[in-house]
N, C-alpha and C. Protein backbone atom coordinates (compact mmCIF):
# COMPACT_ATOMS: atom_id res chain seq x y z
N UNK A 1 2.74 14.07 6.40
CA UNK A 1 2.03 15.05 5.60
C UNK A 1 2.35 14.78 4.13
N UNK A 2 1.33 14.50 3.32
CA UNK A 2 1.57 14.24 1.89
C UNK A 2 2.21 15.45 1.20
N UNK A 3 3.09 15.14 0.29
CA UNK A 3 3.78 16.17 -0.48
C UNK A 3 3.48 15.96 -1.96
N UNK A 4 3.10 17.04 -2.62
CA UNK A 4 2.83 16.98 -4.05
C UNK A 4 3.88 17.81 -4.77
N UNK A 5 4.52 17.22 -5.73
CA UNK A 5 5.43 17.95 -6.60
C UNK A 5 4.66 18.19 -7.90
N UNK A 6 4.50 19.46 -8.24
CA UNK A 6 3.75 19.82 -9.44
C UNK A 6 4.74 20.36 -10.47
N UNK A 7 4.86 19.66 -11.58
CA UNK A 7 5.71 20.13 -12.69
C UNK A 7 4.80 20.92 -13.63
N UNK A 8 5.03 22.23 -13.69
CA UNK A 8 4.14 23.09 -14.48
C UNK A 8 4.50 23.06 -15.96
N UNK A 9 3.79 23.85 -16.74
CA UNK A 9 3.96 23.88 -18.20
C UNK A 9 5.36 24.32 -18.63
N UNK A 10 6.05 25.06 -17.74
CA UNK A 10 7.41 25.52 -18.03
C UNK A 10 8.46 24.58 -17.46
N UNK A 11 8.03 23.40 -17.00
CA UNK A 11 8.88 22.37 -16.41
C UNK A 11 9.49 22.79 -15.07
N UNK A 12 8.93 23.83 -14.43
CA UNK A 12 9.36 24.21 -13.09
C UNK A 12 8.61 23.32 -12.11
N UNK A 13 9.29 22.94 -11.03
CA UNK A 13 8.66 22.09 -10.04
C UNK A 13 8.30 22.89 -8.79
N UNK A 14 7.08 22.69 -8.32
CA UNK A 14 6.56 23.34 -7.12
C UNK A 14 6.27 22.24 -6.11
N UNK A 15 6.82 22.37 -4.91
CA UNK A 15 6.60 21.38 -3.87
C UNK A 15 5.57 21.93 -2.89
N UNK A 16 4.52 21.15 -2.65
CA UNK A 16 3.41 21.57 -1.80
C UNK A 16 3.16 20.49 -0.75
N UNK A 17 3.10 20.88 0.50
CA UNK A 17 2.72 19.94 1.56
C UNK A 17 1.25 20.15 1.87
N UNK A 18 0.52 19.05 1.95
CA UNK A 18 -0.92 19.09 2.18
C UNK A 18 -1.19 18.37 3.51
N UNK A 19 -1.93 19.01 4.41
CA UNK A 19 -2.22 18.37 5.69
C UNK A 19 -2.87 17.00 5.53
N UNK A 20 -2.44 16.07 6.36
CA UNK A 20 -2.97 14.70 6.36
C UNK A 20 -4.49 14.71 6.50
N UNK A 21 -5.17 13.92 5.69
CA UNK A 21 -6.62 13.79 5.80
C UNK A 21 -7.42 14.99 5.35
N UNK A 22 -6.81 15.86 4.54
CA UNK A 22 -7.52 17.08 4.14
C UNK A 22 -8.56 16.84 3.05
N UNK A 23 -8.54 15.67 2.40
CA UNK A 23 -9.54 15.31 1.40
C UNK A 23 -9.69 16.40 0.33
N UNK A 24 -8.58 16.82 -0.24
CA UNK A 24 -8.56 17.90 -1.22
C UNK A 24 -8.28 17.33 -2.61
N UNK A 25 -8.90 17.94 -3.63
CA UNK A 25 -8.64 17.49 -5.00
C UNK A 25 -7.30 18.02 -5.49
N UNK A 26 -6.74 17.33 -6.46
CA UNK A 26 -5.50 17.81 -7.08
C UNK A 26 -5.70 19.18 -7.72
N UNK A 27 -6.87 19.40 -8.32
CA UNK A 27 -7.15 20.69 -8.93
C UNK A 27 -7.03 21.82 -7.91
N UNK A 28 -7.60 21.63 -6.73
CA UNK A 28 -7.54 22.65 -5.67
C UNK A 28 -6.10 22.88 -5.22
N UNK A 29 -5.33 21.82 -5.07
CA UNK A 29 -3.92 21.97 -4.67
C UNK A 29 -3.19 22.81 -5.70
N UNK A 30 -3.39 22.52 -6.97
CA UNK A 30 -2.71 23.25 -8.05
C UNK A 30 -3.15 24.71 -8.08
N UNK A 31 -4.46 24.94 -8.02
CA UNK A 31 -4.98 26.31 -8.06
C UNK A 31 -4.54 27.12 -6.84
N UNK A 32 -4.50 26.50 -5.67
CA UNK A 32 -4.09 27.22 -4.45
C UNK A 32 -2.64 27.70 -4.52
N UNK A 33 -1.85 27.09 -5.39
CA UNK A 33 -0.46 27.51 -5.57
C UNK A 33 -0.33 28.61 -6.62
N UNK A 34 -1.45 29.00 -7.21
CA UNK A 34 -1.42 30.04 -8.24
C UNK A 34 -0.90 29.54 -9.57
N UNK A 35 -0.87 28.23 -9.74
CA UNK A 35 -0.40 27.63 -10.99
C UNK A 35 -1.57 27.59 -11.96
N UNK A 36 -1.34 28.06 -13.16
CA UNK A 36 -2.40 28.11 -14.17
C UNK A 36 -2.75 26.71 -14.65
N UNK A 37 -4.04 26.40 -14.55
CA UNK A 37 -4.56 25.13 -15.06
C UNK A 37 -5.98 25.40 -15.55
N UNK A 38 -6.30 24.85 -16.69
CA UNK A 38 -7.65 25.04 -17.22
C UNK A 38 -8.63 24.13 -16.49
N UNK A 39 -9.83 24.59 -16.40
CA UNK A 39 -10.93 23.80 -15.84
C UNK A 39 -12.21 24.37 -16.44
N UNK A 40 -12.41 24.09 -17.71
CA UNK A 40 -13.52 24.68 -18.46
C UNK A 40 -14.89 24.42 -17.84
N UNK A 41 -15.05 23.26 -17.22
CA UNK A 41 -16.36 22.92 -16.65
C UNK A 41 -16.47 23.30 -15.18
N UNK A 42 -15.44 23.94 -14.65
CA UNK A 42 -15.49 24.38 -13.26
C UNK A 42 -15.34 23.25 -12.26
N UNK A 43 -14.71 22.19 -12.63
CA UNK A 43 -14.50 21.08 -11.71
C UNK A 43 -15.58 20.02 -11.71
N UNK A 44 -16.41 20.03 -12.72
CA UNK A 44 -17.50 19.06 -12.80
C UNK A 44 -17.12 17.71 -13.38
N UNK A 45 -15.94 17.61 -13.96
CA UNK A 45 -15.49 16.34 -14.53
C UNK A 45 -15.98 16.06 -15.93
N UNK A 46 -16.48 17.05 -16.63
CA UNK A 46 -17.05 16.82 -17.96
C UNK A 46 -16.11 17.15 -19.11
N UNK A 47 -15.11 18.01 -18.89
CA UNK A 47 -14.38 18.55 -20.03
C UNK A 47 -12.98 17.94 -20.24
N UNK A 48 -12.34 17.47 -19.21
CA UNK A 48 -10.99 16.89 -19.21
C UNK A 48 -9.87 17.91 -19.41
N UNK A 49 -10.16 19.21 -19.36
CA UNK A 49 -9.10 20.20 -19.55
C UNK A 49 -8.14 20.27 -18.36
N UNK A 50 -8.54 19.73 -17.21
CA UNK A 50 -7.68 19.76 -16.03
C UNK A 50 -6.88 18.47 -15.85
N UNK A 51 -6.86 17.62 -16.86
CA UNK A 51 -6.15 16.34 -16.75
C UNK A 51 -4.66 16.58 -16.51
N UNK A 52 -4.11 15.80 -15.59
CA UNK A 52 -2.68 15.84 -15.30
C UNK A 52 -2.13 14.42 -15.36
N UNK A 53 -0.84 14.33 -15.63
CA UNK A 53 -0.17 13.04 -15.66
C UNK A 53 0.40 12.73 -14.28
N UNK A 54 0.20 11.53 -13.81
CA UNK A 54 0.78 11.09 -12.54
C UNK A 54 2.17 10.55 -12.87
N UNK A 55 3.20 11.31 -12.52
CA UNK A 55 4.57 10.94 -12.84
C UNK A 55 5.18 10.01 -11.79
N UNK A 56 4.79 10.20 -10.53
CA UNK A 56 5.23 9.33 -9.45
C UNK A 56 4.04 9.12 -8.52
N UNK A 57 3.78 7.89 -8.16
CA UNK A 57 2.63 7.56 -7.33
C UNK A 57 1.65 6.73 -8.13
N UNK A 58 0.66 6.22 -7.43
CA UNK A 58 -0.30 5.33 -8.07
C UNK A 58 -1.71 5.89 -7.97
N UNK A 59 -2.55 5.43 -8.87
CA UNK A 59 -3.95 5.84 -8.93
C UNK A 59 -4.79 4.67 -8.45
N UNK A 60 -5.66 4.90 -7.51
CA UNK A 60 -6.53 3.83 -7.05
C UNK A 60 -7.19 4.13 -5.73
N UNK A 61 -7.87 3.15 -5.20
CA UNK A 61 -8.65 3.37 -3.99
C UNK A 61 -8.12 2.64 -2.76
N UNK A 62 -6.94 2.05 -2.87
CA UNK A 62 -6.34 1.43 -1.68
C UNK A 62 -5.62 2.51 -0.86
N UNK A 63 -5.44 2.30 0.43
CA UNK A 63 -4.84 3.32 1.29
C UNK A 63 -3.44 3.78 0.87
N UNK A 64 -2.69 2.93 0.20
CA UNK A 64 -1.33 3.31 -0.18
C UNK A 64 -1.24 4.07 -1.51
N UNK A 65 -2.33 4.15 -2.27
CA UNK A 65 -2.31 4.88 -3.54
C UNK A 65 -2.14 6.37 -3.29
N UNK A 66 -1.57 7.07 -4.27
CA UNK A 66 -1.30 8.50 -4.14
C UNK A 66 -2.55 9.35 -4.35
N UNK A 67 -3.34 9.00 -5.36
CA UNK A 67 -4.57 9.73 -5.64
C UNK A 67 -5.70 8.73 -5.83
N UNK A 68 -6.91 9.18 -5.50
CA UNK A 68 -8.07 8.30 -5.62
C UNK A 68 -8.37 7.98 -7.07
N UNK A 69 -9.01 6.85 -7.28
CA UNK A 69 -9.43 6.46 -8.61
C UNK A 69 -10.64 7.27 -9.06
N UNK A 70 -11.02 7.09 -10.30
CA UNK A 70 -12.15 7.82 -10.86
C UNK A 70 -13.30 6.85 -11.13
N UNK A 71 -14.51 7.39 -11.20
CA UNK A 71 -15.66 6.54 -11.47
C UNK A 71 -15.80 6.31 -12.97
N UNK A 72 -16.77 5.49 -13.35
CA UNK A 72 -16.97 5.11 -14.75
C UNK A 72 -17.24 6.29 -15.66
N UNK A 73 -17.98 7.27 -15.18
CA UNK A 73 -18.29 8.44 -15.98
C UNK A 73 -17.02 9.26 -16.28
N UNK A 74 -16.16 9.40 -15.26
CA UNK A 74 -14.91 10.13 -15.46
C UNK A 74 -13.99 9.38 -16.43
N UNK A 75 -13.95 8.07 -16.29
CA UNK A 75 -13.14 7.26 -17.20
C UNK A 75 -13.64 7.37 -18.63
N UNK A 76 -14.95 7.42 -18.80
CA UNK A 76 -15.53 7.58 -20.14
C UNK A 76 -15.15 8.93 -20.73
N UNK A 77 -15.18 9.98 -19.91
CA UNK A 77 -14.77 11.31 -20.38
C UNK A 77 -13.32 11.29 -20.85
N UNK A 78 -12.47 10.63 -20.08
CA UNK A 78 -11.06 10.54 -20.48
C UNK A 78 -10.91 9.78 -21.79
N UNK A 79 -11.61 8.65 -21.91
CA UNK A 79 -11.53 7.85 -23.14
C UNK A 79 -11.99 8.66 -24.35
N UNK A 80 -13.10 9.40 -24.19
CA UNK A 80 -13.61 10.23 -25.29
C UNK A 80 -12.60 11.27 -25.75
N UNK A 81 -11.72 11.68 -24.84
CA UNK A 81 -10.73 12.71 -25.15
C UNK A 81 -9.34 12.14 -25.39
N UNK A 82 -9.24 10.83 -25.54
CA UNK A 82 -7.98 10.19 -25.88
C UNK A 82 -6.94 10.21 -24.77
N UNK A 83 -7.37 10.24 -23.51
CA UNK A 83 -6.45 10.28 -22.38
C UNK A 83 -6.30 8.89 -21.77
N UNK A 84 -5.10 8.55 -21.34
CA UNK A 84 -4.80 7.25 -20.77
C UNK A 84 -5.06 7.26 -19.26
N UNK A 85 -6.12 6.59 -18.79
CA UNK A 85 -6.44 6.61 -17.36
C UNK A 85 -5.48 5.83 -16.47
N UNK A 86 -4.52 5.13 -17.08
CA UNK A 86 -3.51 4.45 -16.27
C UNK A 86 -2.37 5.39 -15.93
N UNK A 87 -2.29 6.54 -16.62
CA UNK A 87 -1.22 7.49 -16.40
C UNK A 87 -1.72 8.89 -16.05
N UNK A 88 -2.99 9.15 -16.35
CA UNK A 88 -3.53 10.50 -16.16
C UNK A 88 -4.82 10.44 -15.35
N UNK A 89 -5.14 11.58 -14.73
CA UNK A 89 -6.39 11.72 -13.99
C UNK A 89 -7.00 13.08 -14.28
N UNK A 90 -8.31 13.18 -14.07
CA UNK A 90 -8.96 14.49 -14.08
C UNK A 90 -8.68 15.06 -12.69
N UNK A 91 -7.89 16.12 -12.62
CA UNK A 91 -7.47 16.62 -11.31
C UNK A 91 -8.63 17.10 -10.46
N UNK A 92 -9.74 17.46 -11.09
CA UNK A 92 -10.91 17.92 -10.33
C UNK A 92 -11.66 16.76 -9.68
N UNK A 93 -11.40 15.54 -10.10
CA UNK A 93 -12.14 14.38 -9.61
C UNK A 93 -11.33 13.47 -8.71
N UNK A 94 -10.06 13.76 -8.53
CA UNK A 94 -9.19 12.89 -7.74
C UNK A 94 -8.71 13.58 -6.48
N UNK A 95 -8.88 12.89 -5.37
CA UNK A 95 -8.41 13.43 -4.11
C UNK A 95 -6.99 12.95 -3.82
N UNK A 96 -6.22 13.82 -3.23
CA UNK A 96 -4.86 13.48 -2.83
C UNK A 96 -4.92 12.60 -1.59
N UNK A 97 -4.20 11.47 -1.63
CA UNK A 97 -4.17 10.57 -0.48
C UNK A 97 -2.76 10.44 0.09
N UNK A 98 -1.77 10.43 -0.77
CA UNK A 98 -0.37 10.28 -0.36
C UNK A 98 0.50 11.11 -1.30
N UNK A 99 1.77 11.15 -1.01
CA UNK A 99 2.70 11.95 -1.82
C UNK A 99 2.73 11.47 -3.26
N UNK A 100 2.92 12.43 -4.16
CA UNK A 100 2.98 12.11 -5.59
C UNK A 100 3.66 13.24 -6.34
N UNK A 101 3.91 12.99 -7.61
CA UNK A 101 4.43 14.00 -8.53
C UNK A 101 3.51 14.02 -9.73
N UNK A 102 3.07 15.22 -10.11
CA UNK A 102 2.17 15.34 -11.26
C UNK A 102 2.77 16.28 -12.30
N UNK A 103 2.43 16.04 -13.55
CA UNK A 103 2.86 16.88 -14.65
C UNK A 103 1.67 17.54 -15.29
N UNK A 104 1.77 18.84 -15.50
CA UNK A 104 0.70 19.61 -16.12
C UNK A 104 0.67 19.34 -17.62
N UNK A 105 -0.50 19.52 -18.25
CA UNK A 105 -0.57 19.36 -19.70
C UNK A 105 0.24 20.45 -20.40
N UNK A 106 0.77 20.13 -21.55
CA UNK A 106 1.65 21.06 -22.27
C UNK A 106 1.00 21.58 -23.54
N UNK A 107 -0.31 21.59 -23.58
CA UNK A 107 -1.02 22.05 -24.79
C UNK A 107 -1.08 23.54 -24.85
């Protein structure tokens, strides 16, 4: 069962177990824990306010990666907002695949 460690804005860590194969976005995992996260566009991938840093785990589309990769449009949104897609993801656009640790934005 994949485990997500979410480091919130106050640097508190929340450990969440997600059922195998649940195909859930990081945004949903975070919101289901009652952790405050912005999502101005409602999960559409346009605003980048839900971006999180992947502190442990990898981003990509191979079976061993922690979270799924993003498409070209999502990457362009991140670039427009000065976000590094090698370290961060739009949580609304990435599905959890394996255990990882994420850090919330501190803005």
